[in-house]
N, C-alpha and C. Protein backbone atom coordinates (compact mmCIF):
# COMPACT_ATOMS: atom_id res chain seq x y z
N UNK A 1 43.23 27.36 -28.89
CA UNK A 1 43.07 28.33 -27.60
C UNK A 1 44.50 28.95 -27.33
N UNK A 2 44.31 29.94 -26.97
CA UNK A 2 45.63 30.74 -26.61
C UNK A 2 46.11 30.59 -25.17
N UNK A 3 47.37 30.36 -24.79
CA UNK A 3 47.82 30.36 -23.62
C UNK A 3 48.93 31.23 -23.54
N UNK A 4 49.25 32.21 -24.28
CA UNK A 4 50.20 33.02 -24.29
C UNK A 4 49.42 34.62 -24.10
N UNK A 5 50.32 35.46 -23.76
CA UNK A 5 50.12 37.10 -23.50
C UNK A 5 51.12 37.89 -24.13
N UNK A 6 50.63 39.05 -24.45
CA UNK A 6 51.49 40.11 -25.16
C UNK A 6 51.93 41.13 -23.98
N UNK A 7 51.38 41.05 -22.94
CA UNK A 7 51.88 41.93 -21.88
C UNK A 7 53.09 41.35 -21.00
N UNK A 8 53.92 42.31 -20.24
CA UNK A 8 54.99 41.55 -19.79
C UNK A 8 54.72 41.27 -18.13
N UNK A 9 53.40 41.22 -17.83
CA UNK A 9 53.24 40.91 -16.53
C UNK A 9 53.03 39.44 -16.33
N UNK A 10 53.04 38.62 -17.58
CA UNK A 10 52.86 37.18 -17.06
C UNK A 10 54.22 36.55 -17.01
N UNK A 11 55.16 37.29 -17.34
CA UNK A 11 56.58 36.63 -17.18
C UNK A 11 56.69 35.18 -18.25
N UNK A 12 55.90 35.05 -19.38
CA UNK A 12 56.05 34.10 -20.03
C UNK A 12 55.54 32.65 -19.59
N UNK A 13 54.69 32.71 -18.62
CA UNK A 13 53.91 31.51 -18.15
C UNK A 13 52.63 31.40 -18.98
N UNK A 14 51.93 30.37 -18.77
CA UNK A 14 50.85 29.96 -19.45
C UNK A 14 49.54 30.58 -18.81
N UNK A 15 48.53 31.08 -19.60
CA UNK A 15 47.37 31.80 -18.98
C UNK A 15 46.41 30.73 -18.99
N UNK A 16 45.68 30.48 -18.04
CA UNK A 16 44.73 29.45 -17.74
C UNK A 16 43.34 29.91 -18.15
N UNK A 17 43.13 30.92 -19.20
CA UNK A 17 41.72 31.40 -19.42
C UNK A 17 41.37 30.72 -20.81
N UNK A 18 40.01 30.53 -20.85
CA UNK A 18 39.48 29.94 -22.25
C UNK A 18 39.05 31.05 -23.16
N UNK A 19 39.70 30.80 -24.37
CA UNK A 19 39.28 31.76 -25.44
C UNK A 19 37.95 31.46 -25.83
N UNK A 20 36.99 32.35 -25.63
CA UNK A 20 35.55 32.19 -25.82
C UNK A 20 35.28 32.37 -27.30
N UNK A 21 35.92 33.26 -28.12
CA UNK A 21 35.56 33.46 -29.49
C UNK A 21 35.34 32.19 -30.31
N UNK A 22 36.11 31.30 -30.43
CA UNK A 22 35.78 30.16 -31.35
C UNK A 22 34.56 29.28 -30.65
N UNK A 23 34.07 29.45 -29.43
CA UNK A 23 33.04 28.77 -29.03
C UNK A 23 31.74 29.42 -29.47
N UNK A 24 31.76 30.85 -29.36
CA UNK A 24 30.77 31.68 -29.87
C UNK A 24 30.59 31.46 -31.39
N UNK A 25 31.57 31.42 -32.11
CA UNK A 25 31.61 31.42 -33.58
C UNK A 25 30.64 29.99 -33.98
N UNK A 26 30.98 28.92 -33.23
CA UNK A 26 30.37 27.53 -33.30
C UNK A 26 29.14 27.66 -32.89
N UNK A 27 28.68 28.30 -32.04
CA UNK A 27 27.42 28.41 -31.44
C UNK A 27 26.51 29.23 -32.62
N UNK A 28 27.07 30.39 -33.12
CA UNK A 28 26.29 31.15 -34.06
C UNK A 28 26.15 30.26 -35.44
N UNK A 29 27.02 29.49 -35.77
CA UNK A 29 26.95 28.70 -37.13
C UNK A 29 25.73 27.72 -36.90
N UNK A 30 25.77 27.16 -35.59
CA UNK A 30 24.78 26.13 -35.25
C UNK A 30 23.25 26.86 -35.40
N UNK A 31 23.05 28.00 -34.74
CA UNK A 31 21.92 28.84 -34.78
C UNK A 31 21.58 29.17 -36.13
N UNK A 32 22.37 29.48 -36.85
CA UNK A 32 21.98 29.68 -38.42
C UNK A 32 21.51 28.39 -38.87
N UNK A 33 22.04 27.32 -38.94
CA UNK A 33 21.67 25.99 -39.28
C UNK A 33 20.26 25.74 -38.75
N UNK A 34 20.14 25.79 -37.46
CA UNK A 34 18.91 25.52 -36.98
C UNK A 34 17.71 26.54 -37.48
N UNK A 35 17.84 27.73 -37.69
CA UNK A 35 16.99 28.68 -38.19
C UNK A 35 16.49 28.39 -39.68
N UNK A 36 17.46 28.01 -40.49
CA UNK A 36 17.17 27.48 -41.77
C UNK A 36 16.51 26.16 -41.88
N UNK A 37 16.69 25.13 -41.07
CA UNK A 37 16.22 23.72 -41.11
C UNK A 37 14.83 23.78 -40.39
N UNK A 38 14.67 24.63 -39.54
CA UNK A 38 13.49 24.59 -38.71
C UNK A 38 12.19 24.66 -39.46
N UNK A 39 12.00 25.58 -40.60
CA UNK A 39 10.81 25.55 -41.21
C UNK A 39 10.55 24.32 -42.04
N UNK A 40 11.72 23.62 -42.56
CA UNK A 40 11.68 22.53 -43.17
C UNK A 40 10.96 21.35 -42.45
N UNK A 41 11.24 21.31 -41.13
CA UNK A 41 10.82 20.11 -40.27
C UNK A 41 9.31 20.37 -40.08
N UNK A 42 8.79 21.47 -40.25
CA UNK A 42 7.17 21.72 -39.91
C UNK A 42 6.43 21.48 -40.95
N UNK A 43 7.07 21.33 -42.27
CA UNK A 43 6.24 21.21 -43.36
C UNK A 43 5.43 19.93 -43.34
N UNK A 44 4.25 19.89 -43.68
CA UNK A 44 3.34 18.89 -43.62
C UNK A 44 2.68 18.46 -45.17
N UNK A 45 2.30 17.45 -45.20
CA UNK A 45 1.82 16.79 -46.62
C UNK A 45 0.42 16.83 -46.48
N UNK A 46 -0.34 17.50 -47.46
CA UNK A 46 -1.74 17.41 -47.46
C UNK A 46 -2.26 15.98 -48.01
N UNK A 47 -3.13 15.26 -47.12
CA UNK A 47 -3.69 14.03 -47.41
C UNK A 47 -5.07 13.96 -47.23
N UNK A 48 -5.99 13.47 -48.15
CA UNK A 48 -7.30 13.33 -47.96
C UNK A 48 -7.40 11.95 -47.22
N UNK A 49 -7.94 12.29 -45.85
CA UNK A 49 -8.24 11.03 -44.93
C UNK A 49 -9.66 10.76 -45.14
N UNK A 50 -10.00 9.28 -45.09
CA UNK A 50 -11.29 8.88 -45.61
C UNK A 50 -12.02 9.28 -44.24
N UNK A 51 -13.35 9.58 -44.28
CA UNK A 51 -14.31 10.09 -43.39
C UNK A 51 -15.35 8.71 -43.00
N UNK A 52 -15.34 8.82 -41.63
CA UNK A 52 -16.34 7.43 -41.18
C UNK A 52 -17.21 8.27 -40.08
N UNK A 53 -18.47 7.91 -40.29
CA UNK A 53 -19.36 8.28 -39.36
C UNK A 53 -19.80 7.35 -38.49
N UNK A 54 -19.58 7.49 -37.22
CA UNK A 54 -20.00 6.19 -36.40
C UNK A 54 -20.45 6.83 -35.20
N UNK A 55 -21.34 6.37 -34.21
CA UNK A 55 -21.85 7.03 -33.12
C UNK A 55 -21.32 6.21 -32.07
N UNK A 56 -20.70 6.83 -30.80
CA UNK A 56 -20.23 5.87 -29.64
C UNK A 56 -21.11 5.07 -29.20
N UNK A 57 -20.80 3.96 -28.69
CA UNK A 57 -21.68 2.93 -28.03
C UNK A 57 -22.21 3.42 -26.66
N UNK A 58 -23.43 3.73 -26.54
CA UNK A 58 -23.84 4.04 -25.28
C UNK A 58 -24.03 3.01 -24.34
N UNK A 59 -23.45 2.86 -23.16
CA UNK A 59 -23.58 1.91 -22.25
C UNK A 59 -24.23 2.58 -21.01
N UNK A 60 -25.61 2.15 -20.69
CA UNK A 60 -26.22 2.37 -19.53
C UNK A 60 -25.28 2.02 -18.25
N UNK A 61 -24.56 2.77 -17.35
CA UNK A 61 -24.02 2.23 -16.32
C UNK A 61 -24.97 1.82 -15.18
N UNK A 62 -24.83 0.34 -14.88
CA UNK A 62 -25.49 -0.33 -14.12
C UNK A 62 -25.19 0.21 -12.53
N UNK A 63 -26.00 0.43 -11.60
CA UNK A 63 -25.92 0.90 -10.35
C UNK A 63 -26.56 0.33 -9.45
N UNK A 64 -25.89 -0.43 -8.26
CA UNK A 64 -26.21 -0.99 -7.19
C UNK A 64 -26.23 -0.15 -5.92
N UNK A 65 -27.74 0.05 -5.56
CA UNK A 65 -27.90 0.83 -4.57
C UNK A 65 -27.98 -0.10 -3.15
N UNK A 66 -26.88 0.29 -2.16
CA UNK A 66 -26.81 -0.66 -1.09
C UNK A 66 -26.84 0.16 0.12
N UNK A 67 -27.73 0.12 1.22
CA UNK A 67 -28.02 1.04 2.34
C UNK A 67 -27.99 0.42 3.45
N UNK A 68 -27.45 1.00 4.50
CA UNK A 68 -27.45 0.58 5.96
C UNK A 68 -28.09 1.39 6.86
N UNK A 69 -29.05 1.09 7.47
CA UNK A 69 -29.85 1.89 8.46
C UNK A 69 -29.07 2.08 9.84
N UNK A 70 -29.73 2.63 10.65
CA UNK A 70 -29.17 3.18 11.91
C UNK A 70 -29.02 1.76 12.88
N UNK A 71 -29.90 0.84 12.64
CA UNK A 71 -30.01 -0.46 13.36
C UNK A 71 -29.19 -1.31 12.79
N UNK A 72 -28.37 -1.23 11.92
CA UNK A 72 -27.54 -2.15 11.09
C UNK A 72 -28.11 -3.10 9.94
N UNK A 73 -29.57 -2.63 9.71
CA UNK A 73 -30.14 -3.70 8.54
C UNK A 73 -29.69 -3.08 7.37
N UNK A 74 -29.51 -4.30 6.33
CA UNK A 74 -28.96 -3.93 5.11
C UNK A 74 -30.10 -4.30 3.87
N UNK A 75 -29.97 -3.28 2.96
CA UNK A 75 -30.80 -3.33 1.75
C UNK A 75 -30.04 -3.24 0.69
N UNK A 76 -30.40 -4.22 -0.37
CA UNK A 76 -29.76 -4.29 -1.51
C UNK A 76 -30.76 -3.92 -2.59
N UNK A 77 -30.46 -2.62 -3.28
CA UNK A 77 -31.68 -2.16 -4.18
C UNK A 77 -33.03 -2.19 -3.61
N UNK A 78 -32.98 -1.56 -2.42
CA UNK A 78 -34.31 -1.38 -1.78
C UNK A 78 -35.04 -2.87 -1.14
N UNK A 79 -34.30 -3.60 -1.36
CA UNK A 79 -34.80 -5.09 -0.72
C UNK A 79 -33.84 -5.51 0.49
N UNK A 80 -34.49 -5.81 1.62
CA UNK A 80 -33.90 -6.26 2.81
C UNK A 80 -33.29 -7.51 2.56
N UNK A 81 -31.86 -7.53 3.05
CA UNK A 81 -31.14 -8.74 3.04
C UNK A 81 -30.42 -8.79 4.30
N UNK A 82 -29.69 -10.04 4.55
CA UNK A 82 -29.03 -10.14 5.83
C UNK A 82 -27.58 -10.17 5.31
N UNK A 83 -26.78 -10.23 6.43
CA UNK A 83 -25.17 -10.14 6.21
C UNK A 83 -24.67 -11.34 5.48
N UNK A 84 -25.36 -12.50 5.68
CA UNK A 84 -24.98 -13.73 5.15
C UNK A 84 -25.17 -13.84 3.68
N UNK A 85 -26.31 -13.06 3.23
CA UNK A 85 -26.66 -13.20 1.72
C UNK A 85 -25.58 -11.99 0.96
N UNK A 86 -25.04 -11.27 1.57
CA UNK A 86 -24.41 -10.22 0.76
C UNK A 86 -23.01 -10.63 -0.01
N UNK A 87 -22.31 -11.69 0.59
CA UNK A 87 -21.00 -12.14 -0.27
C UNK A 87 -21.67 -12.68 -1.72
N UNK A 88 -22.83 -13.30 -1.53
CA UNK A 88 -23.41 -14.02 -2.87
C UNK A 88 -23.85 -13.08 -3.83
N UNK A 89 -24.47 -12.05 -3.45
CA UNK A 89 -25.04 -10.80 -4.14
C UNK A 89 -23.77 -10.09 -4.68
N UNK A 90 -22.81 -9.77 -3.98
CA UNK A 90 -21.58 -9.06 -4.49
C UNK A 90 -20.95 -9.90 -5.60
N UNK A 91 -20.74 -11.14 -5.41
CA UNK A 91 -19.88 -11.84 -6.19
C UNK A 91 -20.71 -12.18 -7.67
N UNK A 92 -21.92 -12.21 -7.58
CA UNK A 92 -22.82 -12.05 -8.83
C UNK A 92 -22.50 -10.84 -9.59
N UNK A 93 -22.63 -9.61 -8.89
CA UNK A 93 -22.35 -8.47 -9.62
C UNK A 93 -20.89 -8.30 -10.15
N UNK A 94 -19.99 -8.85 -9.29
CA UNK A 94 -18.44 -8.65 -9.74
C UNK A 94 -18.22 -9.62 -10.89
N UNK A 95 -19.16 -10.59 -11.36
CA UNK A 95 -18.81 -11.29 -12.25
C UNK A 95 -19.39 -10.61 -13.78
N UNK A 96 -20.25 -9.68 -13.69
CA UNK A 96 -20.72 -9.01 -14.78
C UNK A 96 -19.64 -7.98 -15.44
N UNK A 97 -19.95 -7.97 -16.70
CA UNK A 97 -18.81 -7.03 -17.40
C UNK A 97 -19.85 -6.16 -18.19
N UNK A 98 -19.53 -4.77 -17.97
CA UNK A 98 -18.84 -4.01 -17.04
C UNK A 98 -19.37 -4.23 -15.78
N UNK A 99 -18.48 -3.98 -14.57
CA UNK A 99 -18.99 -4.18 -13.43
C UNK A 99 -20.08 -2.97 -12.88
N UNK A 100 -20.90 -3.21 -12.20
CA UNK A 100 -21.68 -2.02 -11.73
C UNK A 100 -20.98 -1.16 -10.59
N UNK A 101 -21.46 -0.12 -10.49
CA UNK A 101 -20.83 0.78 -9.16
C UNK A 101 -21.85 0.55 -8.10
N UNK A 102 -21.07 0.12 -6.93
CA UNK A 102 -22.05 -0.05 -5.83
C UNK A 102 -21.97 1.33 -4.92
N UNK A 103 -23.22 1.88 -4.79
CA UNK A 103 -23.35 3.10 -4.05
C UNK A 103 -23.65 2.73 -2.72
N UNK A 104 -23.11 3.16 -1.58
CA UNK A 104 -23.16 2.92 -0.23
C UNK A 104 -23.88 3.97 0.40
N UNK A 105 -25.00 3.77 0.91
CA UNK A 105 -25.60 4.98 1.71
C UNK A 105 -25.76 4.33 3.07
N UNK A 106 -25.07 5.06 4.09
CA UNK A 106 -25.32 4.78 5.60
C UNK A 106 -25.76 5.81 6.16
N UNK A 107 -26.58 5.36 7.36
CA UNK A 107 -27.08 6.16 8.16
C UNK A 107 -26.21 6.96 9.06
N UNK A 108 -26.38 8.14 9.66
CA UNK A 108 -25.46 8.66 10.41
C UNK A 108 -24.91 8.00 11.64
N UNK A 109 -25.97 7.26 12.27
CA UNK A 109 -25.54 6.59 13.37
C UNK A 109 -25.12 5.10 13.23
N UNK A 110 -25.07 4.73 11.91
CA UNK A 110 -24.52 3.30 11.62
C UNK A 110 -23.20 3.07 12.22
N UNK A 111 -22.97 1.81 12.87
CA UNK A 111 -21.61 1.57 13.59
C UNK A 111 -20.77 1.23 12.41
N UNK A 112 -19.35 1.65 12.49
CA UNK A 112 -18.31 1.67 11.59
C UNK A 112 -17.95 0.33 11.43
N UNK A 113 -18.13 -0.81 12.43
CA UNK A 113 -17.87 -2.17 12.08
C UNK A 113 -18.90 -2.82 11.07
N UNK A 114 -19.93 -2.45 10.98
CA UNK A 114 -20.77 -2.88 9.83
C UNK A 114 -20.31 -2.38 8.51
N UNK A 115 -19.96 -1.00 8.44
CA UNK A 115 -19.42 -0.57 7.16
C UNK A 115 -17.95 -1.15 6.70
N UNK A 116 -17.18 -1.30 7.71
CA UNK A 116 -15.80 -1.99 7.36
C UNK A 116 -16.13 -3.61 6.95
N UNK A 117 -17.08 -4.34 7.47
CA UNK A 117 -17.43 -5.74 6.87
C UNK A 117 -17.95 -5.61 5.74
N UNK A 118 -18.77 -4.73 5.31
CA UNK A 118 -19.39 -4.52 3.82
C UNK A 118 -18.34 -4.29 2.96
N UNK A 119 -17.49 -3.22 3.38
CA UNK A 119 -16.16 -3.08 2.19
C UNK A 119 -15.45 -3.97 2.14
N UNK A 120 -15.11 -4.80 3.31
CA UNK A 120 -14.24 -5.95 3.14
C UNK A 120 -14.71 -7.16 2.40
N UNK A 121 -16.08 -7.09 2.38
CA UNK A 121 -16.90 -8.27 1.53
C UNK A 121 -16.84 -7.91 0.24
N UNK A 122 -16.85 -6.56 -0.14
CA UNK A 122 -16.84 -6.17 -1.39
C UNK A 122 -15.57 -6.22 -2.27
N UNK A 123 -14.46 -6.08 -1.59
CA UNK A 123 -13.09 -6.36 -1.94
C UNK A 123 -12.77 -7.74 -2.18
N UNK A 124 -13.27 -8.67 -1.25
CA UNK A 124 -13.08 -9.99 -1.41
C UNK A 124 -13.99 -10.78 -2.48
N UNK A 125 -15.11 -10.04 -2.83
CA UNK A 125 -15.84 -10.61 -4.04
C UNK A 125 -15.31 -10.11 -5.26
N UNK A 126 -14.51 -9.00 -5.32
CA UNK A 126 -13.95 -8.64 -6.69
C UNK A 126 -14.44 -7.25 -7.19
N UNK A 127 -15.50 -6.76 -6.44
CA UNK A 127 -16.06 -5.59 -6.71
C UNK A 127 -14.93 -4.54 -6.72
N UNK A 128 -14.85 -3.67 -7.84
CA UNK A 128 -13.84 -2.61 -7.76
C UNK A 128 -14.41 -1.29 -7.92
N UNK A 129 -15.59 -0.91 -8.04
CA UNK A 129 -16.19 0.38 -8.12
C UNK A 129 -17.20 0.55 -6.84
N UNK A 130 -16.63 1.21 -5.94
CA UNK A 130 -17.69 1.53 -4.91
C UNK A 130 -17.61 2.80 -4.41
N UNK A 131 -18.80 3.45 -4.29
CA UNK A 131 -18.87 4.67 -3.98
C UNK A 131 -19.79 5.17 -2.76
N UNK A 132 -19.47 6.35 -2.08
CA UNK A 132 -20.41 6.70 -0.88
C UNK A 132 -21.38 7.74 -1.27
N UNK A 133 -22.59 7.65 -0.90
CA UNK A 133 -23.53 8.69 -1.04
C UNK A 133 -23.66 9.61 0.15
N UNK A 134 -23.57 10.70 0.05
CA UNK A 134 -23.78 11.72 1.16
C UNK A 134 -24.92 12.69 0.74
N UNK A 135 -25.30 13.51 1.80
CA UNK A 135 -26.39 14.46 1.44
C UNK A 135 -25.76 15.72 1.58
N UNK A 136 -25.78 16.64 0.44
CA UNK A 136 -25.21 17.88 0.48
C UNK A 136 -25.98 18.71 1.56
N UNK A 137 -25.27 19.62 2.11
CA UNK A 137 -25.74 20.53 2.76
C UNK A 137 -24.71 21.22 3.73
N UNK A 138 -25.37 21.99 4.67
CA UNK A 138 -24.55 22.84 5.70
C UNK A 138 -23.80 21.75 6.54
N UNK A 139 -22.54 22.08 6.83
CA UNK A 139 -21.91 21.37 7.95
C UNK A 139 -22.10 21.76 9.36
N UNK A 140 -23.03 21.11 9.87
CA UNK A 140 -23.56 21.50 11.32
C UNK A 140 -23.47 20.20 12.03
N UNK A 141 -22.42 20.09 12.72
CA UNK A 141 -22.30 18.71 13.42
C UNK A 141 -20.76 18.64 13.84
N UNK A 142 -20.25 17.51 14.06
CA UNK A 142 -18.97 17.38 14.84
C UNK A 142 -18.01 17.86 13.85
N UNK A 143 -17.12 18.72 14.39
CA UNK A 143 -15.97 19.32 13.44
C UNK A 143 -16.30 20.53 12.73
N UNK A 144 -17.79 21.01 12.62
CA UNK A 144 -18.02 22.48 12.28
C UNK A 144 -18.88 23.15 13.08
N UNK A 145 -18.67 24.59 13.19
CA UNK A 145 -19.47 25.14 13.82
C UNK A 145 -20.61 25.85 13.07
N UNK A 146 -21.80 25.89 13.63
CA UNK A 146 -22.99 26.27 12.96
C UNK A 146 -22.93 27.82 12.84
N UNK A 147 -22.20 28.58 13.66
CA UNK A 147 -22.18 29.87 13.46
C UNK A 147 -20.62 30.41 13.53
N UNK A 148 -20.13 31.50 12.88
CA UNK A 148 -18.66 31.84 13.26
C UNK A 148 -18.63 32.24 14.52
N UNK A 149 -17.54 31.79 15.09
CA UNK A 149 -17.26 31.97 16.58
C UNK A 149 -17.89 31.11 17.67
N UNK A 150 -18.94 30.28 17.16
CA UNK A 150 -19.56 29.22 18.16
C UNK A 150 -18.86 27.86 18.07
N UNK A 151 -18.69 27.26 19.11
CA UNK A 151 -17.96 25.96 19.16
C UNK A 151 -18.89 24.79 18.75
N UNK A 152 -18.27 23.95 18.01
CA UNK A 152 -19.06 22.65 17.56
C UNK A 152 -19.32 21.71 18.73
N UNK A 153 -20.38 21.11 18.75
CA UNK A 153 -20.67 19.95 19.90
C UNK A 153 -19.87 18.67 19.67
N UNK A 154 -19.27 18.28 20.55
CA UNK A 154 -18.56 17.17 20.63
C UNK A 154 -19.23 15.87 20.91
N UNK A 155 -18.85 14.55 20.48
CA UNK A 155 -19.45 13.56 20.93
C UNK A 155 -19.47 13.46 22.44
N UNK A 156 -20.71 12.97 22.87
CA UNK A 156 -21.23 12.88 24.31
C UNK A 156 -21.74 14.25 24.91
N UNK A 157 -21.96 15.42 24.20
CA UNK A 157 -22.49 16.55 24.65
C UNK A 157 -21.35 17.48 25.03
N UNK A 158 -20.02 17.20 25.21
CA UNK A 158 -19.07 18.11 25.56
C UNK A 158 -18.95 19.17 24.55
N UNK A 159 -18.57 20.33 24.90
CA UNK A 159 -18.24 21.57 23.83
C UNK A 159 -16.82 22.05 24.30
N UNK A 160 -15.98 22.60 23.07
CA UNK A 160 -14.85 23.25 23.40
C UNK A 160 -15.16 24.57 23.69
N UNK A 161 -14.40 25.21 24.68
CA UNK A 161 -14.69 26.58 24.90
C UNK A 161 -13.25 27.37 24.78
């Protein structure tokens, strides 16, 4: 690196500028080396790999249908049960391999307390897969307006204006 200058302005003092020419030369040499070696790295060897024909194992996923109606009555695969029977049924299903998916269907007017108890029992029994079943359709209820510009009814019959 050069620290001197040929002009008379510097008065013989050191110049603190980096000479970029040697750095550019090194960069160009590295670029040429990479251009030459890159095609060699992507060269592949042709190998005849043995072919095997196998079909994937088809497992029918077991699904448990759990329903709660508006009065809080519980149904396990369409059979009426009580809240006391539920932990034993869930523990039996949790012991299976693979675990079945529990699909929870709840009535619109079901108390949240009942749903919280059911989800807590499922977690305590070791069930890992639980899904909620809903009915697709238009959102006409709390939180969504039936028509653009109309206000949605609030709980208790009140409406926002």
